[in-house]
């Protein structure tokens, strides 16, 4: 009995949402058409059915392009919308009172681009009410995507930033297994030599969800 009680405590303190009965399948199937207007309700259901049957979850969307669901778990989903765009979503626990009495928060990351990728992060309740009070982690941590190596002269550092990393294009990625968000800078198309020169400057930052915001540490 003691072991069962301990397991329940760990289950809850890890932020697991399953005890609340919230599943990504249900949330995604109720996603408003305005957010992905080229995916019909049948498209969404078909992809999830294909995934759960062990089949390739590839459908033709309203733009006559292929959309493929690559990952679906109880709290995470990733979809390749087209060759140049993708979307990730993660259900996150919170102790805050949500505006529509929803059980949890959904973080959505949209990414566009092939070589140079750019992302946006939005937050919703599990009932699809947008939450605009959560700070944008892309804006709050964009500066940390470039670091000054101790071994590099400051003039060389500033020169590389200006010539090869400007404008700064930032991408984000959610973890399938952890409540974390990783952000980094996405350089433009560069030569092999330039890639080698800027590599020491590039820094990925992983932020952890604390129930209210994504933060470092």
Protein backbone atom coordinates (compact mmCIF):
# COMPACT_ATOMS: atom_id res chain seq x y z
CA UNK A 1 0.00 0.00 0.00
CA UNK A 2 2.86 2.35 0.86
CA UNK A 3 4.47 1.72 -2.54
CA UNK A 4 1.21 2.46 -4.33
CA UNK A 5 0.82 5.73 -2.42
CA UNK A 6 4.39 6.76 -3.28
CA UNK A 7 3.82 5.98 -6.95
CA UNK A 8 0.73 8.21 -6.97
CA UNK A 9 2.72 11.08 -5.44
CA UNK A 10 5.44 10.78 -8.08
CA UNK A 11 2.81 10.54 -10.79
CA UNK A 12 1.28 13.86 -9.74
CA UNK A 13 4.45 15.80 -8.88
CA UNK A 14 5.95 15.04 -12.29
CA UNK A 15 3.17 17.11 -13.81
CA UNK A 16 1.54 14.15 -15.50
CA UNK A 17 -1.82 15.09 -16.96
CA UNK A 18 -3.32 11.66 -17.42
CA UNK A 19 -4.98 11.66 -14.00
CA UNK A 20 -7.04 14.62 -15.18
CA UNK A 21 -8.21 12.71 -18.23
CA UNK A 22 -6.75 15.22 -20.71
CA UNK A 23 -5.31 13.55 -23.81
CA UNK A 24 -3.68 15.13 -26.84
CA UNK A 25 -5.92 13.14 -29.18
CA UNK A 26 -9.03 14.79 -27.74
CA UNK A 27 -7.48 18.27 -27.67
CA UNK A 28 -6.20 18.05 -31.25
CA UNK A 29 -9.51 16.76 -32.59
CA UNK A 30 -11.19 19.88 -31.13
CA UNK A 31 -8.63 22.30 -32.55
CA UNK A 32 -10.43 25.28 -34.17
CA UNK A 33 -10.40 25.30 -37.97
CA UNK A 34 -9.06 28.87 -37.92
CA UNK A 35 -5.69 27.66 -36.60
CA UNK A 36 -5.12 25.06 -39.34
CA UNK A 37 -7.75 25.88 -41.97
CA UNK A 38 -6.29 23.50 -44.56
CA UNK A 39 -6.77 20.46 -42.30
CA UNK A 40 -10.34 19.22 -42.08
CA UNK A 41 -11.77 17.40 -39.09
CA UNK A 42 -11.56 14.16 -41.06
CA UNK A 43 -7.89 14.88 -41.87
CA UNK A 44 -7.10 15.18 -38.16
CA UNK A 45 -8.99 12.04 -37.19
CA UNK A 46 -7.50 10.06 -40.08
CA UNK A 47 -3.93 10.95 -39.11
CA UNK A 48 -4.49 9.95 -35.50
CA UNK A 49 -6.16 6.69 -36.53
CA UNK A 50 -3.26 5.90 -38.87
CA UNK A 51 -0.72 6.59 -36.10
CA UNK A 52 -2.51 4.40 -33.60
CA UNK A 53 -2.75 1.61 -36.19
CA UNK A 54 1.00 1.73 -36.85
CA UNK A 55 0.53 3.14 -40.35
CA UNK A 56 2.13 6.17 -42.00
CA UNK A 57 -0.06 9.13 -41.00
CA UNK A 58 0.19 10.98 -44.33
CA UNK A 59 -2.76 12.82 -45.84
CA UNK A 60 -3.32 15.42 -48.59
CA UNK A 61 -4.37 18.74 -47.06
CA UNK A 62 -6.56 21.52 -48.43
CA UNK A 63 -3.59 23.04 -50.29
CA UNK A 64 -2.99 19.73 -52.10
CA UNK A 65 0.22 19.26 -50.13
CA UNK A 66 1.20 16.30 -48.01
CA UNK A 67 0.81 16.64 -44.25
CA UNK A 68 2.26 13.93 -42.03
CA UNK A 69 1.82 13.31 -38.32
CA UNK A 70 5.14 11.93 -37.08
CA UNK A 71 4.55 11.67 -33.31
CA UNK A 72 1.47 11.29 -31.13
CA UNK A 73 1.51 10.55 -27.41
CA UNK A 74 -0.92 11.32 -24.61
CA UNK A 75 0.61 14.78 -24.12
CA UNK A 76 2.64 15.57 -27.25
CA UNK A 77 2.10 15.80 -31.00
CA UNK A 78 4.30 16.71 -33.95
CA UNK A 79 3.05 17.26 -37.50
CA UNK A 80 4.97 18.06 -40.65
CA UNK A 81 2.46 20.39 -42.30
CA UNK A 82 4.46 20.78 -45.52
CA UNK A 83 8.10 20.46 -46.64
CA UNK A 84 8.74 23.90 -45.13
CA UNK A 85 6.54 24.02 -42.04
CA UNK A 86 5.77 21.99 -38.93
CA UNK A 87 3.87 22.23 -35.69
CA UNK A 88 4.50 20.80 -32.22
CA UNK A 89 2.12 20.82 -29.27
CA UNK A 90 2.60 19.84 -25.64
CA UNK A 91 0.12 19.62 -22.76
CA UNK A 92 1.46 21.21 -19.58
CA UNK A 93 0.12 21.06 -16.05
CA UNK A 94 -0.56 24.25 -14.10
CA UNK A 95 -1.92 25.26 -10.73
CA UNK A 96 -3.38 28.49 -12.15
CA UNK A 97 -7.09 29.11 -12.63
CA UNK A 98 -7.62 29.01 -16.39
CA UNK A 99 -10.15 31.30 -18.11
CA UNK A 100 -12.44 28.54 -19.42
CA UNK A 101 -12.09 26.15 -16.47
CA UNK A 102 -9.79 23.94 -18.56
CA UNK A 103 -7.56 21.38 -16.88
CA UNK A 104 -4.22 22.32 -18.41
CA UNK A 105 -2.23 24.51 -20.78
CA UNK A 106 -1.24 23.69 -24.33
CA UNK A 107 2.00 25.08 -25.77
CA UNK A 108 2.10 25.31 -29.56
CA UNK A 109 5.30 25.82 -31.56
CA UNK A 110 5.02 26.63 -35.26
CA UNK A 111 8.20 26.45 -37.32
CA UNK A 112 8.71 27.53 -40.93
CA UNK A 113 11.73 27.21 -43.19
CA UNK A 114 14.01 24.45 -44.42
CA UNK A 115 17.66 25.43 -43.89
CA UNK A 116 16.96 28.57 -41.87
CA UNK A 117 14.09 27.91 -39.48
CA UNK A 118 11.98 30.43 -37.61
CA UNK A 119 9.50 29.59 -34.85
CA UNK A 120 6.66 31.20 -32.94
CA UNK A 121 5.32 30.03 -29.58
CA UNK A 122 1.70 30.40 -28.44
CA UNK A 123 -0.19 29.19 -25.38
CA UNK A 124 -3.79 27.99 -25.14
CA UNK A 125 -5.96 26.23 -22.63
CA UNK A 126 -6.86 22.64 -23.46
CA UNK A 127 -10.22 24.08 -24.57
CA UNK A 128 -8.47 26.40 -27.07
CA UNK A 129 -8.77 29.75 -25.36
CA UNK A 130 -5.56 31.65 -26.14
CA UNK A 131 -3.54 32.70 -23.08
CA UNK A 132 -1.67 35.94 -23.74
CA UNK A 133 -0.41 36.53 -20.19
CA UNK A 134 2.36 33.90 -20.36
CA UNK A 135 5.66 35.56 -21.38
CA UNK A 136 6.94 34.64 -24.83
CA UNK A 137 10.04 32.49 -24.22
CA UNK A 138 11.33 33.35 -27.70
CA UNK A 139 11.49 37.03 -26.86
CA UNK A 140 12.73 36.58 -23.32
CA UNK A 141 15.66 34.30 -24.17
CA UNK A 142 16.62 35.27 -27.74
CA UNK A 143 19.80 36.98 -26.51
CA UNK A 144 21.11 33.74 -25.02
CA UNK A 145 21.23 32.06 -28.45
CA UNK A 146 24.60 33.75 -29.16
CA UNK A 147 27.53 33.63 -26.75
CA UNK A 148 30.96 35.27 -26.78
CA UNK A 149 33.66 32.55 -26.58
CA UNK A 150 36.38 33.36 -24.09
CA UNK A 151 39.03 32.59 -26.69
CA UNK A 152 37.64 34.99 -29.31
CA UNK A 153 38.62 38.64 -29.65
CA UNK A 154 35.68 40.99 -29.07
CA UNK A 155 36.14 42.70 -32.44
CA UNK A 156 36.05 39.35 -34.25
CA UNK A 157 32.99 38.34 -32.25
CA UNK A 158 31.10 41.51 -33.16
CA UNK A 159 32.15 41.18 -36.80
CA UNK A 160 30.84 37.61 -37.04
CA UNK A 161 27.57 38.56 -35.36
CA UNK A 162 27.00 41.42 -37.78
CA UNK A 163 28.06 39.68 -40.98
CA UNK A 164 26.86 36.10 -40.47
CA UNK A 165 24.23 36.15 -37.71
CA UNK A 166 22.20 39.20 -38.59
CA UNK A 167 19.24 39.34 -38.67
CA UNK A 168 18.88 36.87 -35.82
CA UNK A 169 16.40 34.10 -36.70
CA UNK A 170 15.41 31.96 -33.73
CA UNK A 171 13.80 28.51 -33.69
CA UNK A 172 12.21 26.49 -30.87
CA UNK A 173 11.53 22.83 -30.24
CA UNK A 174 9.44 21.06 -27.62
CA UNK A 175 10.57 17.84 -25.99
CA UNK A 176 8.40 14.78 -26.49
CA UNK A 177 9.30 13.27 -23.11
CA UNK A 178 10.09 16.29 -20.90
CA UNK A 179 8.28 19.55 -20.11
CA UNK A 180 11.03 21.57 -21.77
CA UNK A 181 11.47 23.98 -24.67
CA UNK A 182 14.80 24.38 -26.48
CA UNK A 183 15.58 27.56 -28.40
CA UNK A 184 18.50 28.41 -30.64
CA UNK A 185 19.57 30.61 -33.53
CA UNK A 186 19.17 29.42 -37.09
CA UNK A 187 21.88 30.82 -39.39
CA UNK A 188 21.25 31.46 -43.08
CA UNK A 189 22.82 29.37 -45.82
CA UNK A 190 26.56 29.51 -45.15
CA UNK A 191 29.72 28.03 -46.57
CA UNK A 192 31.45 25.22 -44.69
CA UNK A 193 34.13 27.70 -43.65
CA UNK A 194 31.63 30.20 -42.26
CA UNK A 195 29.75 27.45 -40.40
CA UNK A 196 32.99 26.50 -38.70
CA UNK A 197 33.70 30.12 -37.76
CA UNK A 198 30.33 30.76 -36.13
CA UNK A 199 29.88 27.37 -34.46
CA UNK A 200 31.48 28.52 -31.14
CA UNK A 201 28.99 31.41 -31.01
CA UNK A 202 25.83 29.30 -31.29
CA UNK A 203 24.13 28.37 -28.06
CA UNK A 204 21.02 26.28 -27.50
CA UNK A 205 19.10 27.10 -24.34
CA UNK A 206 16.73 24.59 -22.75
CA UNK A 207 13.94 26.07 -20.67
CA UNK A 208 11.85 24.11 -18.17
CA UNK A 209 8.14 24.57 -17.53
CA UNK A 210 7.54 25.45 -13.86
CA UNK A 211 3.75 25.46 -13.93
CA UNK A 212 3.50 29.08 -15.02
CA UNK A 213 6.29 29.91 -17.50
CA UNK A 214 9.28 28.42 -19.31
CA UNK A 215 12.46 29.43 -17.50
CA UNK A 216 16.11 28.41 -17.27
CA UNK A 217 17.29 26.09 -14.56
